[in-house]
Amino acid sequence: NGLGFATEGFDALGRARTSQTFFDPMTGAEVGKKPVNTVSVPRVDAGDETESQGPADLTRLIVASPKPSACLTRQYFRFTFGRIEDLDLDACALADVKAVVDEGQPLAQALKTLALSAAFRERSFDVE
């Protein structure tokens, strides 16, 4: 669990920790502690074996990946159109929004780009 191991330095409530406490499931008594190890290979991108030393490293790897901008583009498209994207029909609108995101422009510009696209302005609805 490369993504999970990177954040082992936090407990279930988000508090920093250096060890994990183990409890007896029957009595609830503490039975031991082990140091947490946040070193992992999160495989953010397929085939990537880059080691992560913890959450800051994991964040760096995620930001360096093309996945966040593609995910934002895809999810905003789905929200806006109320449907799954068709990569053949929607490629231009998706590419335009992704380009804005990849350039680091404000999120408002990405939202505006899709709202002003022909795909959004000229939608047709099938009536059965």
Protein backbone atom coordinates (compact mmCIF):
# COMPACT_ATOMS: atom_id res chain seq x y z
CA ASN A 1 0.00 0.00 0.00
CA GLY A 2 2.49 2.60 -1.21
CA LEU A 3 0.08 5.51 -0.89
CA GLY A 4 -1.05 4.46 2.58
CA PHE A 5 2.41 3.69 3.96
CA ALA A 6 3.56 7.21 3.10
CA THR A 7 1.00 8.60 5.56
CA GLU A 8 1.58 6.10 8.39
CA GLY A 9 3.08 8.97 10.40
CA PHE A 10 -0.51 10.06 11.15
CA ASP A 11 -3.14 8.22 13.16
CA ALA A 12 -6.81 7.83 12.20
CA LEU A 13 -7.54 11.34 13.53
CA GLY A 14 -4.66 12.97 11.64
CA ARG A 15 -2.39 13.35 14.66
CA ALA A 16 1.35 12.94 14.07
CA ARG A 17 2.86 9.75 15.45
CA THR A 18 6.16 7.91 15.42
CA SER A 19 4.82 4.57 16.62
CA GLN A 20 1.68 2.50 16.29
CA THR A 21 0.08 1.10 19.42
CA PHE A 22 -1.47 -2.37 19.29
CA PHE A 23 -4.36 -3.48 21.50
CA ASP A 24 -5.80 -6.83 22.48
CA PRO A 25 -9.14 -7.11 20.62
CA MET A 26 -10.80 -8.86 23.55
CA THR A 27 -9.63 -6.76 26.49
CA GLY A 28 -8.59 -3.50 24.86
CA ALA A 29 -5.33 -3.65 26.77
CA GLU A 30 -2.22 -2.28 25.11
CA VAL A 31 -0.05 -5.19 23.95
CA GLY A 32 2.78 -3.40 22.21
CA LYS A 33 4.13 -0.63 20.03
CA LYS A 34 6.05 -0.62 16.78
CA PRO A 35 7.73 2.32 15.04
CA VAL A 36 5.94 3.50 11.90
CA ASN A 37 7.83 3.39 8.63
CA THR A 38 6.73 5.93 6.02
CA VAL A 39 9.17 4.77 3.33
CA SER A 40 7.24 3.37 0.37
CA VAL A 41 7.12 3.03 -3.40
CA PRO A 42 3.73 4.63 -4.20
CA ARG A 43 3.80 3.94 -7.98
CA VAL A 44 1.95 7.16 -8.74
CA ASP A 45 2.57 6.45 -12.42
CA ALA A 46 2.63 2.93 -13.87
CA GLY A 47 6.08 1.41 -13.66
CA ASP A 48 7.46 4.19 -11.47
CA GLU A 49 9.63 2.70 -8.72
CA THR A 50 10.61 6.03 -7.12
CA GLU A 51 10.85 5.72 -3.36
CA SER A 52 8.91 8.11 -1.14
CA GLN A 53 10.13 9.05 2.35
CA GLY A 54 6.74 10.23 3.62
CA PRO A 55 3.77 12.46 2.83
CA ALA A 56 5.80 15.44 1.55
CA ASP A 57 7.64 13.19 -0.89
CA LEU A 58 4.38 11.54 -1.94
CA THR A 59 2.88 14.97 -2.62
CA ARG A 60 5.91 15.91 -4.72
CA LEU A 61 5.53 12.74 -6.80
CA ILE A 62 1.81 13.32 -7.33
CA VAL A 63 2.33 16.95 -8.36
CA ALA A 64 5.06 15.92 -10.83
CA SER A 65 2.68 13.42 -12.44
CA PRO A 66 0.25 14.32 -15.24
CA LYS A 67 -2.53 12.56 -13.33
CA PRO A 68 -3.85 15.44 -11.18
CA SER A 69 -4.57 17.76 -14.11
CA ALA A 70 -6.10 14.93 -16.15
CA CYS A 71 -8.26 13.92 -13.17
CA LEU A 72 -9.43 17.48 -12.52
CA THR A 73 -10.26 17.95 -16.20
CA ARG A 74 -12.16 14.67 -16.40
CA GLN A 75 -14.12 15.18 -13.17
CA TYR A 76 -15.07 18.78 -14.01
CA PHE A 77 -16.20 17.68 -17.47
CA ARG A 78 -18.36 14.94 -15.94
CA PHE A 79 -19.88 17.35 -13.43
CA THR A 80 -20.57 20.00 -16.07
CA PHE A 81 -22.11 17.68 -18.65
CA GLY A 82 -23.68 15.16 -16.29
CA ARG A 83 -22.16 12.26 -18.22
CA ILE A 84 -18.98 10.30 -18.82
CA GLU A 85 -16.75 11.86 -21.44
CA ASP A 86 -16.52 10.35 -24.94
CA LEU A 87 -12.85 10.55 -25.88
CA ASP A 88 -13.69 10.80 -29.58
CA LEU A 89 -16.44 13.41 -29.36
CA ASP A 90 -15.14 15.42 -26.40
CA ALA A 91 -11.39 15.39 -27.09
CA CYS A 92 -11.19 19.08 -28.03
CA ALA A 93 -13.04 20.35 -24.96
CA LEU A 94 -11.00 18.08 -22.68
CA ALA A 95 -7.70 19.13 -24.29
CA ASP A 96 -8.55 22.84 -23.98
CA VAL A 97 -9.34 22.58 -20.27
CA LYS A 98 -6.32 20.36 -19.56
CA ALA A 99 -4.04 22.85 -21.32
CA VAL A 100 -5.27 25.65 -19.04
CA VAL A 101 -4.73 23.47 -15.96
CA ASP A 102 -1.27 22.34 -17.14
CA GLU A 103 -0.24 25.97 -17.68
CA GLY A 104 -1.01 26.67 -14.04
CA GLN A 105 -3.70 29.22 -14.80
CA PRO A 106 -6.31 29.94 -12.11
CA LEU A 107 -9.03 27.34 -11.67
CA ALA A 108 -11.60 29.96 -12.68
CA GLN A 109 -9.99 30.09 -16.12
CA ALA A 110 -10.28 26.31 -16.52
CA LEU A 111 -13.96 26.46 -15.55
CA LYS A 112 -14.55 29.36 -17.92
CA THR A 113 -12.81 27.53 -20.77
CA LEU A 114 -15.25 24.63 -20.57
CA ALA A 115 -18.29 26.86 -20.07
CA LEU A 116 -17.40 28.84 -23.20
CA SER A 117 -16.60 25.78 -25.32
CA ALA A 118 -18.79 24.87 -28.27
CA ALA A 119 -19.43 21.50 -26.62
CA PHE A 120 -21.13 23.28 -23.72
CA ARG A 121 -22.80 26.17 -25.55
CA GLU A 122 -24.23 24.04 -28.36
CA ARG A 123 -25.44 21.02 -26.44
CA SER A 124 -28.38 19.06 -27.73
CA PHE A 125 -30.57 16.87 -25.62
CA ASP A 126 -32.09 13.68 -26.93
CA VAL A 127 -35.80 13.65 -26.19
CA GLU A 128 -37.41 10.25 -26.24
